[in-house]
Amino acid sequence: MVIIVKSNIFGINMANLLLKKKAIVTICNLNTKNIPYFSSKADIVIVAVGKKYLVKKNWIKQNAVVIDVGINKEGKKVYGDVDPSVMEVAGKITPVPYGVGPITNVMLLVNTMKSFRSSK
């Protein structure tokens, strides 16, 4: 599994969660040399960089799962970090928009309710 991130806030927290589940995790940031090499070997690639269409289809292993967390806005349009051509090789890919965002919103509400209940 490869996590490509801009900052360590998301990357380290995500890696820690995955490591607890016994995943083998490689974290790359924008300064990592040869990111395509690492990502092309991974069964799962998570991208959270904020750079429109950074990840190209030659970066992705055939049938890999790609989770695009990136949000890039140009006017009223929203783009992900993963180029649409990746759909040709990926087994599964999260859409942008409406992929990871709704899950994030739900989890924020769940955590808010848990916090409220525990404060009583």
C-alpha atoms as a PDB file:
ATOM      1  CA  MET A   1       0.000   0.000   0.000  1.00  0.00           C
ATOM      2  CA  VAL A   2       1.263   3.448  -0.895  1.00  0.00           C
ATOM      3  CA  ILE A   3       0.082   6.746   0.560  1.00  0.00           C
ATOM      4  CA  ILE A   4       1.037   9.838  -1.455  1.00  0.00           C
ATOM      5  CA  VAL A   5       0.625  12.998   0.612  1.00  0.00           C
ATOM      6  CA  LYS A   6       1.562  16.655   0.732  1.00  0.00           C
ATOM      7  CA  SER A   7       1.683  16.872   4.527  1.00  0.00           C
ATOM      8  CA  ASN A   8       2.318  14.311   7.209  1.00  0.00           C
ATOM      9  CA  ILE A   9      -0.863  15.157   9.136  1.00  0.00           C
ATOM     10  CA  PHE A  10      -2.997  12.899   6.949  1.00  0.00           C
ATOM     11  CA  GLY A  11      -0.235  10.495   5.899  1.00  0.00           C
ATOM     12  CA  ILE A  12       1.091   9.505   9.307  1.00  0.00           C
ATOM     13  CA  ASN A  13      -2.374   9.136  10.834  1.00  0.00           C
ATOM     14  CA  MET A  14      -3.575   7.020   7.912  1.00  0.00           C
ATOM     15  CA  ALA A  15      -0.399   4.923   7.982  1.00  0.00           C
ATOM     16  CA  ASN A  16      -0.776   4.305  11.729  1.00  0.00           C
ATOM     17  CA  LEU A  17      -4.366   3.122  11.277  1.00  0.00           C
ATOM     18  CA  LEU A  18      -3.307   0.782   8.482  1.00  0.00           C
ATOM     19  CA  LEU A  19      -0.266  -0.518  10.365  1.00  0.00           C
ATOM     20  CA  LYS A  20      -2.535  -1.502  13.259  1.00  0.00           C
ATOM     21  CA  LYS A  21      -4.364  -3.692  10.727  1.00  0.00           C
ATOM     22  CA  LYS A  22      -1.029  -5.291   9.701  1.00  0.00           C
ATOM     23  CA  ALA A  23      -0.780  -3.485   6.362  1.00  0.00           C
ATOM     24  CA  ILE A  24       2.593  -2.869   4.745  1.00  0.00           C
ATOM     25  CA  VAL A  25       2.658   0.881   4.130  1.00  0.00           C
ATOM     26  CA  THR A  26       4.939   3.170   2.149  1.00  0.00           C
ATOM     27  CA  ILE A  27       4.487   6.927   2.541  1.00  0.00           C
ATOM     28  CA  CYS A  28       5.577   9.193  -0.310  1.00  0.00           C
ATOM     29  CA  ASN A  29       5.455  12.962  -0.380  1.00  0.00           C
ATOM     30  CA  LEU A  30       6.089  15.381  -3.234  1.00  0.00           C
ATOM     31  CA  ASN A  31       9.836  15.263  -2.487  1.00  0.00           C
ATOM     32  CA  THR A  32      10.022  11.469  -2.807  1.00  0.00           C
ATOM     33  CA  LYS A  33      12.128  10.473  -5.778  1.00  0.00           C
ATOM     34  CA  ASN A  34      10.368   8.251  -8.311  1.00  0.00           C
ATOM     35  CA  ILE A  35       6.876   8.139  -6.790  1.00  0.00           C
ATOM     36  CA  PRO A  36       5.587   6.263  -9.865  1.00  0.00           C
ATOM     37  CA  TYR A  37       7.916   3.361  -9.042  1.00  0.00           C
ATOM     38  CA  PHE A  38       6.434   2.922  -5.559  1.00  0.00           C
ATOM     39  CA  SER A  39       2.817   3.461  -6.567  1.00  0.00           C
ATOM     40  CA  SER A  40       3.058   1.069  -9.533  1.00  0.00           C
ATOM     41  CA  LYS A  41       3.945  -1.783  -7.142  1.00  0.00           C
ATOM     42  CA  ALA A  42       1.041  -1.178  -4.731  1.00  0.00           C
ATOM     43  CA  ASP A  43      -2.289  -2.981  -4.558  1.00  0.00           C
ATOM     44  CA  ILE A  44      -3.818   0.096  -2.893  1.00  0.00           C
ATOM     45  CA  VAL A  45      -2.832   3.711  -3.545  1.00  0.00           C
ATOM     46  CA  ILE A  46      -4.187   6.571  -1.425  1.00  0.00           C
ATOM     47  CA  VAL A  47      -3.545  10.085  -2.747  1.00  0.00           C
ATOM     48  CA  ALA A  48      -4.020  13.282  -0.709  1.00  0.00           C
ATOM     49  CA  VAL A  49      -1.824  15.932  -2.272  1.00  0.00           C
ATOM     50  CA  GLY A  50      -4.093  18.654  -3.639  1.00  0.00           C
ATOM     51  CA  LYS A  51      -2.495  18.665  -7.089  1.00  0.00           C
ATOM     52  CA  LYS A  52      -4.865  18.234 -10.030  1.00  0.00           C
ATOM     53  CA  TYR A  53      -4.322  14.971 -11.920  1.00  0.00           C
ATOM     54  CA  LEU A  54      -0.914  14.289 -10.359  1.00  0.00           C
ATOM     55  CA  VAL A  55      -1.267  10.494 -10.562  1.00  0.00           C
ATOM     56  CA  LYS A  56      -1.240   9.082 -14.099  1.00  0.00           C
ATOM     57  CA  LYS A  57      -2.300   5.639 -15.292  1.00  0.00           C
ATOM     58  CA  ASN A  58       1.315   4.435 -15.685  1.00  0.00           C
ATOM     59  CA  TRP A  59       1.721   5.052 -11.929  1.00  0.00           C
ATOM     60  CA  ILE A  60      -0.917   2.430 -11.111  1.00  0.00           C
ATOM     61  CA  LYS A  61      -0.693  -1.358 -11.071  1.00  0.00           C
ATOM     62  CA  GLN A  62      -3.357  -3.246 -13.042  1.00  0.00           C
ATOM     63  CA  ASN A  63      -6.506  -3.771 -10.893  1.00  0.00           C
ATOM     64  CA  ALA A  64      -5.172  -1.713  -7.972  1.00  0.00           C
ATOM     65  CA  VAL A  65      -7.580   0.164  -5.706  1.00  0.00           C
ATOM     66  CA  VAL A  66      -7.099   3.935  -5.894  1.00  0.00           C
ATOM     67  CA  ILE A  67      -8.478   6.223  -3.191  1.00  0.00           C
ATOM     68  CA  ASP A  68      -8.399   9.862  -4.279  1.00  0.00           C
ATOM     69  CA  VAL A  69      -8.682  12.139  -1.250  1.00  0.00           C
ATOM     70  CA  GLY A  70      -7.394  15.232  -3.069  1.00  0.00           C
ATOM     71  CA  ILE A  71      -9.582  18.242  -3.768  1.00  0.00           C
ATOM     72  CA  ASN A  72      -8.622  20.806  -6.376  1.00  0.00           C
ATOM     73  CA  LYS A  73     -10.958  23.658  -7.282  1.00  0.00           C
ATOM     74  CA  GLU A  74     -10.870  25.671 -10.477  1.00  0.00           C
ATOM     75  CA  GLY A  75     -13.775  28.071 -10.467  1.00  0.00           C
ATOM     76  CA  LYS A  76     -16.851  25.971  -9.713  1.00  0.00           C
ATOM     77  CA  LYS A  77     -15.301  22.694 -10.907  1.00  0.00           C
ATOM     78  CA  VAL A  78     -13.707  20.189  -8.539  1.00  0.00           C
ATOM     79  CA  TYR A  79     -10.934  17.810  -9.576  1.00  0.00           C
ATOM     80  CA  GLY A  80      -9.052  15.060  -7.821  1.00  0.00           C
ATOM     81  CA  ASP A  81      -5.367  14.208  -7.589  1.00  0.00           C
ATOM     82  CA  VAL A  82      -5.855  11.217  -9.897  1.00  0.00           C
ATOM     83  CA  ASP A  83      -6.052  11.613 -13.670  1.00  0.00           C
ATOM     84  CA  PRO A  84      -9.258  10.125 -15.155  1.00  0.00           C
ATOM     85  CA  SER A  85      -7.119   7.854 -17.380  1.00  0.00           C
ATOM     86  CA  VAL A  86      -6.338   5.803 -14.244  1.00  0.00           C
ATOM     87  CA  MET A  87      -9.832   4.284 -14.569  1.00  0.00           C
ATOM     88  CA  GLU A  88      -8.466   2.283 -17.517  1.00  0.00           C
ATOM     89  CA  VAL A  89      -6.126   0.280 -15.249  1.00  0.00           C
ATOM     90  CA  ALA A  90      -7.506   0.544 -11.710  1.00  0.00           C
ATOM     91  CA  GLY A  91      -9.768  -2.165 -10.346  1.00  0.00           C
ATOM     92  CA  LYS A  92     -11.648   0.393  -8.235  1.00  0.00           C
ATOM     93  CA  ILE A  93     -11.322   4.152  -7.852  1.00  0.00           C
ATOM     94  CA  THR A  94     -13.119   6.690  -5.684  1.00  0.00           C
ATOM     95  CA  PRO A  95     -14.760   9.517  -7.628  1.00  0.00           C
ATOM     96  CA  VAL A  96     -14.047  13.190  -7.062  1.00  0.00           C
ATOM     97  CA  PRO A  97     -16.292  14.818  -6.047  1.00  0.00           C
ATOM     98  CA  TYR A  98     -18.676  12.590  -4.034  1.00  0.00           C
ATOM     99  CA  GLY A  99     -16.174   9.867  -3.166  1.00  0.00           C
ATOM    100  CA  VAL A 100     -14.340  10.289   0.127  1.00  0.00           C
ATOM    101  CA  GLY A 101     -15.967  13.623   1.062  1.00  0.00           C
ATOM    102  CA  PRO A 102     -19.386  12.251   2.089  1.00  0.00           C
ATOM    103  CA  ILE A 103     -17.701   9.600   4.269  1.00  0.00           C
ATOM    104  CA  THR A 104     -15.659  12.332   5.961  1.00  0.00           C
ATOM    105  CA  ASN A 105     -18.827  14.302   6.693  1.00  0.00           C
ATOM    106  CA  VAL A 106     -20.593  11.267   8.148  1.00  0.00           C
ATOM    107  CA  MET A 107     -17.620  10.420  10.378  1.00  0.00           C
ATOM    108  CA  LEU A 108     -17.460  14.009  11.647  1.00  0.00           C
ATOM    109  CA  LEU A 109     -21.108  13.745  12.673  1.00  0.00           C
ATOM    110  CA  VAL A 110     -20.554  10.324  14.289  1.00  0.00           C
ATOM    111  CA  ASN A 111     -17.580  11.635  16.269  1.00  0.00           C
ATOM    112  CA  THR A 112     -19.537  14.745  17.294  1.00  0.00           C
ATOM    113  CA  MET A 113     -22.351  12.548  18.645  1.00  0.00           C
ATOM    114  CA  LYS A 114     -19.865  10.310  20.497  1.00  0.00           C
ATOM    115  CA  SER A 115     -18.238  13.360  22.038  1.00  0.00           C
ATOM    116  CA  PHE A 116     -21.621  14.791  23.074  1.00  0.00           C
ATOM    117  CA  ARG A 117     -22.723  11.504  24.664  1.00  0.00           C
ATOM    118  CA  SER A 118     -19.485  11.079  26.579  1.00  0.00           C
ATOM    119  CA  SER A 119     -19.692  14.624  27.963  1.00  0.00           C
ATOM    120  CA  LYS A 120     -22.913  13.906  29.884  1.00  0.00           C
END
